[in-house]
Amino acid sequence: MGQQQLLLIVLGVIIVGIAVVVGINLFTANSVQANQDAVASDVTNIAALAQQFYLKPTTLGGGGNTFTNFAIPANLLTTASGSYSAVVAAQTVTITGLGTVQDTDSKVAKVVVAVTPNAIGAATVTRVAP
């Protein structure tokens, strides 16, 4: 009877150990995906700010139908989700965001969006080394 109890205890410990490892892996994957989604959201919000700048007259602090002097607001350059940069041309802005949460391969999400006067392009997501 003692051997059966010992075997059941060992089996129980193994099952609990496997459940803990699976739980940690799920939490990590969810954290990485949540950070990617947050970076994509931030990039889209910055893209909307760029379009607002484009449409606003220069007398009101806007671009007057050009992106030329657009800059990401200082409080949005770095957030808890990531860091952001913009490449500005007269009629386009390319906004790039780098996430903060690394996946199991030590890579972070890189989200790139192209902005034109009439459209915000689809977000392109890749994984890059930080």
N, C-alpha and C. Protein backbone atom coordinates (compact mmCIF):
# COMPACT_ATOMS: atom_id res chain seq x y z
N MET A 1 0.82 -1.19 0.00
CA MET A 1 0.00 0.00 0.00
C MET A 1 0.86 1.25 0.00
N GLY A 2 2.01 1.23 0.64
CA GLY A 2 2.90 2.38 0.73
C GLY A 2 3.48 2.75 -0.63
N GLN A 3 3.76 1.75 -1.46
CA GLN A 3 4.32 2.03 -2.78
C GLN A 3 3.29 2.70 -3.69
N GLN A 4 2.04 2.30 -3.59
CA GLN A 4 1.00 2.92 -4.40
C GLN A 4 0.82 4.39 -4.00
N GLN A 5 0.84 4.68 -2.71
CA GLN A 5 0.69 6.05 -2.25
C GLN A 5 1.87 6.91 -2.72
N LEU A 6 3.07 6.35 -2.63
CA LEU A 6 4.25 7.08 -3.09
C LEU A 6 4.19 7.35 -4.59
N LEU A 7 3.73 6.36 -5.34
CA LEU A 7 3.59 6.52 -6.78
C LEU A 7 2.56 7.59 -7.12
N LEU A 8 1.44 7.62 -6.41
CA LEU A 8 0.41 8.64 -6.63
C LEU A 8 0.92 10.03 -6.28
N ILE A 9 1.69 10.15 -5.23
CA ILE A 9 2.26 11.45 -4.85
C ILE A 9 3.21 11.94 -5.92
N VAL A 10 4.09 11.07 -6.40
CA VAL A 10 5.04 11.45 -7.46
C VAL A 10 4.29 11.84 -8.73
N LEU A 11 3.28 11.07 -9.09
CA LEU A 11 2.48 11.38 -10.26
C LEU A 11 1.76 12.72 -10.10
N GLY A 12 1.23 13.00 -8.93
CA GLY A 12 0.58 14.28 -8.65
C GLY A 12 1.54 15.45 -8.76
N VAL A 13 2.75 15.28 -8.24
CA VAL A 13 3.76 16.35 -8.33
C VAL A 13 4.13 16.62 -9.78
N ILE A 14 4.26 15.58 -10.58
CA ILE A 14 4.59 15.74 -12.00
C ILE A 14 3.47 16.49 -12.72
N ILE A 15 2.23 16.12 -12.46
CA ILE A 15 1.10 16.78 -13.12
C ILE A 15 1.02 18.26 -12.72
N VAL A 16 1.20 18.55 -11.46
CA VAL A 16 1.18 19.94 -11.00
C VAL A 16 2.33 20.72 -11.63
N GLY A 17 3.49 20.13 -11.72
CA GLY A 17 4.65 20.79 -12.35
C GLY A 17 4.38 21.12 -13.81
N ILE A 18 3.80 20.19 -14.53
CA ILE A 18 3.47 20.43 -15.94
C ILE A 18 2.44 21.54 -16.06
N ALA A 19 1.44 21.55 -15.18
CA ALA A 19 0.42 22.60 -15.22
C ALA A 19 1.03 23.97 -14.96
N VAL A 20 1.98 24.07 -14.05
CA VAL A 20 2.64 25.34 -13.76
C VAL A 20 3.43 25.83 -14.98
N VAL A 21 4.16 24.95 -15.62
CA VAL A 21 4.94 25.33 -16.80
C VAL A 21 4.02 25.80 -17.93
N VAL A 22 2.94 25.08 -18.16
CA VAL A 22 1.98 25.49 -19.21
C VAL A 22 1.38 26.84 -18.87
N GLY A 23 1.05 27.07 -17.61
CA GLY A 23 0.50 28.36 -17.19
C GLY A 23 1.46 29.50 -17.41
N ILE A 24 2.72 29.29 -17.10
CA ILE A 24 3.75 30.33 -17.31
C ILE A 24 3.89 30.64 -18.79
N ASN A 25 3.90 29.61 -19.63
CA ASN A 25 4.02 29.81 -21.07
C ASN A 25 2.82 30.58 -21.63
N LEU A 26 1.63 30.27 -21.17
CA LEU A 26 0.44 30.99 -21.63
C LEU A 26 0.48 32.45 -21.19
N PHE A 27 0.91 32.69 -19.96
CA PHE A 27 1.01 34.07 -19.47
C PHE A 27 2.01 34.87 -20.30
N THR A 28 3.16 34.28 -20.61
CA THR A 28 4.18 34.97 -21.41
C THR A 28 3.66 35.28 -22.80
N ALA A 29 3.01 34.31 -23.43
CA ALA A 29 2.47 34.53 -24.78
C ALA A 29 1.41 35.63 -24.77
N ASN A 30 0.56 35.64 -23.75
CA ASN A 30 -0.47 36.67 -23.65
C ASN A 30 0.15 38.04 -23.43
N SER A 31 1.19 38.11 -22.64
CA SER A 31 1.87 39.37 -22.36
C SER A 31 2.50 39.94 -23.63
N VAL A 32 3.13 39.09 -24.42
CA VAL A 32 3.75 39.52 -25.68
C VAL A 32 2.68 40.03 -26.64
N GLN A 33 1.58 39.32 -26.78
CA GLN A 33 0.50 39.73 -27.68
C GLN A 33 -0.14 41.03 -27.22
N ALA A 34 -0.33 41.19 -25.92
CA ALA A 34 -0.93 42.42 -25.39
C ALA A 34 -0.03 43.62 -25.67
N ASN A 35 1.29 43.44 -25.54
CA ASN A 35 2.21 44.53 -25.83
C ASN A 35 2.18 44.88 -27.31
N GLN A 36 2.14 43.88 -28.18
CA GLN A 36 2.06 44.13 -29.62
C GLN A 36 0.79 44.91 -29.95
N ASP A 37 -0.32 44.52 -29.36
CA ASP A 37 -1.59 45.23 -29.60
C ASP A 37 -1.52 46.67 -29.11
N ALA A 38 -0.88 46.89 -27.95
CA ALA A 38 -0.76 48.24 -27.41
C ALA A 38 0.12 49.12 -28.31
N VAL A 39 1.20 48.56 -28.84
CA VAL A 39 2.07 49.32 -29.74
C VAL A 39 1.31 49.66 -31.03
N ALA A 40 0.57 48.71 -31.56
CA ALA A 40 -0.22 48.97 -32.77
C ALA A 40 -1.25 50.07 -32.52
N SER A 41 -1.87 50.06 -31.37
CA SER A 41 -2.84 51.09 -31.01
C SER A 41 -2.17 52.46 -30.90
N ASP A 42 -1.02 52.51 -30.23
CA ASP A 42 -0.30 53.78 -30.09
C ASP A 42 0.13 54.33 -31.46
N VAL A 43 0.63 53.46 -32.33
CA VAL A 43 1.06 53.89 -33.67
C VAL A 43 -0.12 54.44 -34.45
N THR A 44 -1.28 53.79 -34.33
CA THR A 44 -2.46 54.28 -35.03
C THR A 44 -2.91 55.63 -34.48
N ASN A 45 -2.83 55.82 -33.17
CA ASN A 45 -3.18 57.11 -32.58
C ASN A 45 -2.23 58.22 -33.05
N ILE A 46 -0.95 57.92 -33.13
CA ILE A 46 0.02 58.90 -33.62
C ILE A 46 -0.26 59.21 -35.09
N ALA A 47 -0.65 58.19 -35.86
CA ALA A 47 -1.00 58.40 -37.27
C ALA A 47 -2.19 59.35 -37.39
N ALA A 48 -3.17 59.20 -36.51
CA ALA A 48 -4.33 60.10 -36.53
C ALA A 48 -3.89 61.53 -36.19
N LEU A 49 -2.95 61.67 -35.27
CA LEU A 49 -2.42 63.01 -34.94
C LEU A 49 -1.71 63.62 -36.15
N ALA A 50 -1.02 62.78 -36.91
CA ALA A 50 -0.34 63.28 -38.11
C ALA A 50 -1.35 63.78 -39.13
N GLN A 51 -2.44 63.04 -39.32
CA GLN A 51 -3.47 63.50 -40.25
C GLN A 51 -4.12 64.79 -39.77
N GLN A 52 -4.35 64.91 -38.47
CA GLN A 52 -4.90 66.15 -37.93
C GLN A 52 -3.96 67.32 -38.21
N PHE A 53 -2.66 67.08 -38.01
CA PHE A 53 -1.66 68.12 -38.27
C PHE A 53 -1.71 68.53 -39.74
N TYR A 54 -1.80 67.56 -40.63
CA TYR A 54 -1.84 67.83 -42.07
C TYR A 54 -3.02 68.73 -42.42
N LEU A 55 -4.19 68.44 -41.88
CA LEU A 55 -5.41 69.15 -42.24
C LEU A 55 -5.55 70.52 -41.57
N LYS A 56 -4.86 70.72 -40.45
CA LYS A 56 -5.00 71.97 -39.71
C LYS A 56 -4.22 73.09 -40.40
N PRO A 57 -4.81 74.27 -40.53
CA PRO A 57 -4.09 75.39 -41.15
C PRO A 57 -2.84 75.78 -40.35
N THR A 58 -1.87 76.34 -41.04
CA THR A 58 -0.63 76.74 -40.37
C THR A 58 -0.88 77.83 -39.33
N THR A 59 -1.88 78.66 -39.54
CA THR A 59 -2.18 79.72 -38.57
C THR A 59 -2.67 79.15 -37.24
N LEU A 60 -3.15 77.91 -37.25
CA LEU A 60 -3.60 77.26 -36.03
C LEU A 60 -2.59 76.23 -35.51
N GLY A 61 -1.38 76.27 -36.06
CA GLY A 61 -0.33 75.36 -35.60
C GLY A 61 -0.28 74.05 -36.33
N GLY A 62 -0.92 73.96 -37.47
CA GLY A 62 -0.91 72.73 -38.24
C GLY A 62 0.06 72.78 -39.39
N GLY A 63 -0.08 71.84 -40.30
CA GLY A 63 0.83 71.75 -41.43
C GLY A 63 0.35 72.46 -42.67
N GLY A 64 -0.94 72.77 -42.74
CA GLY A 64 -1.45 73.44 -43.94
C GLY A 64 -1.27 72.59 -45.18
N ASN A 65 -1.78 71.36 -45.15
CA ASN A 65 -1.71 70.41 -46.27
C ASN A 65 -0.30 69.91 -46.57
N THR A 66 0.50 69.79 -45.54
CA THR A 66 1.81 69.16 -45.64
C THR A 66 2.17 68.55 -44.29
N PHE A 67 2.91 67.44 -44.32
CA PHE A 67 3.37 66.80 -43.09
C PHE A 67 4.73 67.33 -42.65
N THR A 68 5.33 68.23 -43.41
CA THR A 68 6.73 68.58 -43.28
C THR A 68 7.20 68.85 -41.85
N ASN A 69 6.48 69.59 -41.06
CA ASN A 69 6.94 69.92 -39.71
C ASN A 69 6.30 69.07 -38.62
N PHE A 70 5.71 67.94 -39.01
CA PHE A 70 5.08 67.08 -38.00
C PHE A 70 6.14 66.43 -37.13
N ALA A 71 5.86 66.40 -35.84
CA ALA A 71 6.71 65.70 -34.87
C ALA A 71 5.82 64.99 -33.88
N ILE A 72 6.24 63.82 -33.47
CA ILE A 72 5.48 63.08 -32.46
C ILE A 72 5.55 63.87 -31.16
N PRO A 73 4.42 64.07 -30.49
CA PRO A 73 4.45 64.79 -29.21
C PRO A 73 5.42 64.13 -28.22
N ALA A 74 6.09 64.95 -27.43
CA ALA A 74 7.14 64.46 -26.52
C ALA A 74 6.62 63.39 -25.56
N ASN A 75 5.38 63.51 -25.09
CA ASN A 75 4.86 62.54 -24.14
C ASN A 75 4.50 61.20 -24.80
N LEU A 76 4.54 61.14 -26.13
CA LEU A 76 4.25 59.89 -26.83
C LEU A 76 5.49 59.25 -27.46
N LEU A 77 6.65 59.88 -27.34
CA LEU A 77 7.87 59.29 -27.91
C LEU A 77 8.23 57.98 -27.23
N THR A 78 8.02 57.92 -25.92
CA THR A 78 8.26 56.70 -25.16
C THR A 78 7.12 56.53 -24.18
N THR A 79 6.49 55.36 -24.22
CA THR A 79 5.40 55.04 -23.29
C THR A 79 5.72 53.70 -22.63
N ALA A 80 4.83 53.25 -21.78
CA ALA A 80 5.01 51.94 -21.14
C ALA A 80 4.98 50.82 -22.16
N SER A 81 4.30 51.06 -23.29
CA SER A 81 4.18 50.03 -24.33
C SER A 81 5.39 49.95 -25.23
N GLY A 82 6.02 51.10 -25.51
CA GLY A 82 7.15 51.08 -26.43
C GLY A 82 7.68 52.47 -26.73
N SER A 83 8.54 52.53 -27.73
CA SER A 83 9.12 53.80 -28.18
C SER A 83 8.75 53.99 -29.66
N TYR A 84 8.61 55.26 -30.06
CA TYR A 84 8.05 55.57 -31.37
C TYR A 84 8.91 56.60 -32.09
N SER A 85 8.93 56.47 -33.42
CA SER A 85 9.66 57.43 -34.25
C SER A 85 8.88 57.64 -35.55
N ALA A 86 9.18 58.74 -36.22
CA ALA A 86 8.48 59.06 -37.47
C ALA A 86 9.48 59.54 -38.51
N VAL A 87 9.29 59.08 -39.73
CA VAL A 87 10.03 59.57 -40.89
C VAL A 87 9.05 60.42 -41.68
N VAL A 88 9.34 61.72 -41.75
CA VAL A 88 8.38 62.67 -42.30
C VAL A 88 8.82 63.13 -43.68
N ALA A 89 7.88 63.11 -44.62
CA ALA A 89 8.05 63.70 -45.95
C ALA A 89 6.86 64.64 -46.15
N ALA A 90 6.85 65.36 -47.25
CA ALA A 90 5.81 66.37 -47.47
C ALA A 90 4.41 65.75 -47.50
N GLN A 91 4.25 64.61 -48.15
CA GLN A 91 2.92 64.02 -48.31
C GLN A 91 2.77 62.64 -47.66
N THR A 92 3.76 62.18 -46.94
CA THR A 92 3.66 60.90 -46.23
C THR A 92 4.43 60.97 -44.91
N VAL A 93 3.99 60.15 -43.98
CA VAL A 93 4.70 59.96 -42.71
C VAL A 93 4.72 58.46 -42.47
N THR A 94 5.89 57.94 -42.11
CA THR A 94 6.00 56.53 -41.72
C THR A 94 6.30 56.49 -40.24
N ILE A 95 5.41 55.89 -39.49
CA ILE A 95 5.54 55.83 -38.03
C ILE A 95 5.93 54.41 -37.64
N THR A 96 6.96 54.30 -36.79
CA THR A 96 7.47 53.01 -36.34
C THR A 96 7.40 52.95 -34.83
N GLY A 97 6.91 51.84 -34.32
CA GLY A 97 6.87 51.61 -32.88
C GLY A 97 7.58 50.32 -32.53
N LEU A 98 8.38 50.37 -31.46
CA LEU A 98 9.08 49.18 -30.97
C LEU A 98 8.54 48.85 -29.59
N GLY A 99 8.07 47.64 -29.39
CA GLY A 99 7.51 47.22 -28.12
C GLY A 99 8.56 47.05 -27.04
N THR A 100 8.09 46.78 -25.83
CA THR A 100 9.00 46.62 -24.70
C THR A 100 9.08 45.18 -24.19
N VAL A 101 8.09 44.35 -24.51
CA VAL A 101 8.05 42.99 -23.98
C VAL A 101 8.70 42.04 -24.98
N GLN A 102 9.70 41.30 -24.51
CA GLN A 102 10.41 40.35 -25.37
C GLN A 102 9.71 39.00 -25.37
N ASP A 103 9.71 38.35 -26.54
CA ASP A 103 9.15 37.00 -26.62
C ASP A 103 10.20 35.98 -26.22
N THR A 104 9.92 34.72 -26.43
CA THR A 104 10.85 33.67 -26.01
C THR A 104 12.14 33.67 -26.81
N ASP A 105 12.15 34.34 -27.98
CA ASP A 105 13.36 34.46 -28.80
C ASP A 105 14.09 35.78 -28.54
N SER A 106 13.71 36.49 -27.47
CA SER A 106 14.29 37.79 -27.10
C SER A 106 14.09 38.84 -28.19
N LYS A 107 12.95 38.79 -28.85
CA LYS A 107 12.61 39.78 -29.87
C LYS A 107 11.39 40.56 -29.41
N VAL A 108 11.27 41.80 -29.92
CA VAL A 108 10.13 42.65 -29.58
C VAL A 108 9.33 42.94 -30.85
N ALA A 109 8.12 43.41 -30.66
CA ALA A 109 7.25 43.74 -31.79
C ALA A 109 7.70 45.06 -32.40
N LYS A 110 7.74 45.11 -33.74
CA LYS A 110 8.00 46.33 -34.48
C LYS A 110 6.77 46.55 -35.36
N VAL A 111 6.11 47.68 -35.15
CA VAL A 111 4.89 47.99 -35.89
C VAL A 111 5.16 49.23 -36.74
N VAL A 112 4.88 49.13 -38.05
CA VAL A 112 5.11 50.24 -38.98
C VAL A 112 3.80 50.57 -39.68
N VAL A 113 3.49 51.88 -39.74
CA VAL A 113 2.29 52.35 -40.41
C VAL A 113 2.66 53.53 -41.30
N ALA A 114 2.17 53.50 -42.53
CA ALA A 114 2.36 54.61 -43.46
C ALA A 114 1.11 55.48 -43.44
N VAL A 115 1.31 56.79 -43.36
CA VAL A 115 0.19 57.73 -43.29
C VAL A 115 0.25 58.65 -44.50
N THR A 116 -0.88 58.81 -45.16
CA THR A 116 -1.02 59.76 -46.26
C THR A 116 -2.13 60.73 -45.87
N PRO A 117 -2.33 61.78 -46.63
CA PRO A 117 -3.38 62.74 -46.28
C PRO A 117 -4.77 62.11 -46.16
N ASN A 118 -5.04 61.06 -46.91
CA ASN A 118 -6.38 60.48 -46.95
C ASN A 118 -6.51 59.13 -46.28
N ALA A 119 -5.40 58.52 -45.86
CA ALA A 119 -5.50 57.15 -45.34
C ALA A 119 -4.39 56.84 -44.35
N ILE A 120 -4.73 55.95 -43.45
CA ILE A 120 -3.74 55.35 -42.55
C ILE A 120 -3.60 53.91 -43.00
N GLY A 121 -2.41 53.55 -43.43
CA GLY A 121 -2.18 52.21 -43.97
C GLY A 121 -2.31 51.13 -42.91
N ALA A 122 -2.37 49.90 -43.37
CA ALA A 122 -2.44 48.76 -42.47
C ALA A 122 -1.12 48.63 -41.72
N ALA A 123 -1.21 48.25 -40.47
CA ALA A 123 -0.02 48.08 -39.65
C ALA A 123 0.74 46.82 -40.07
N THR A 124 2.04 46.98 -40.25
CA THR A 124 2.90 45.85 -40.57
C THR A 124 3.66 45.48 -39.30
N VAL A 125 3.49 44.24 -38.84
CA VAL A 125 4.09 43.80 -37.60
C VAL A 125 5.18 42.79 -37.89
N THR A 126 6.36 43.02 -37.32
CA THR A 126 7.46 42.07 -37.43
C THR A 126 8.09 41.92 -36.04
N ARG A 127 8.95 40.96 -35.90
CA ARG A 127 9.70 40.74 -34.64
C ARG A 127 11.15 41.06 -34.91
N VAL A 128 11.74 41.91 -34.07
CA VAL A 128 13.12 42.32 -34.24
C VAL A 128 13.83 42.26 -32.89
N ALA A 129 15.15 42.21 -32.95
CA ALA A 129 15.94 42.27 -31.73
C ALA A 129 15.87 43.69 -31.18
N PRO A 130 15.77 43.82 -29.86
CA PRO A 130 15.63 45.17 -29.28
C PRO A 130 16.87 46.03 -29.47
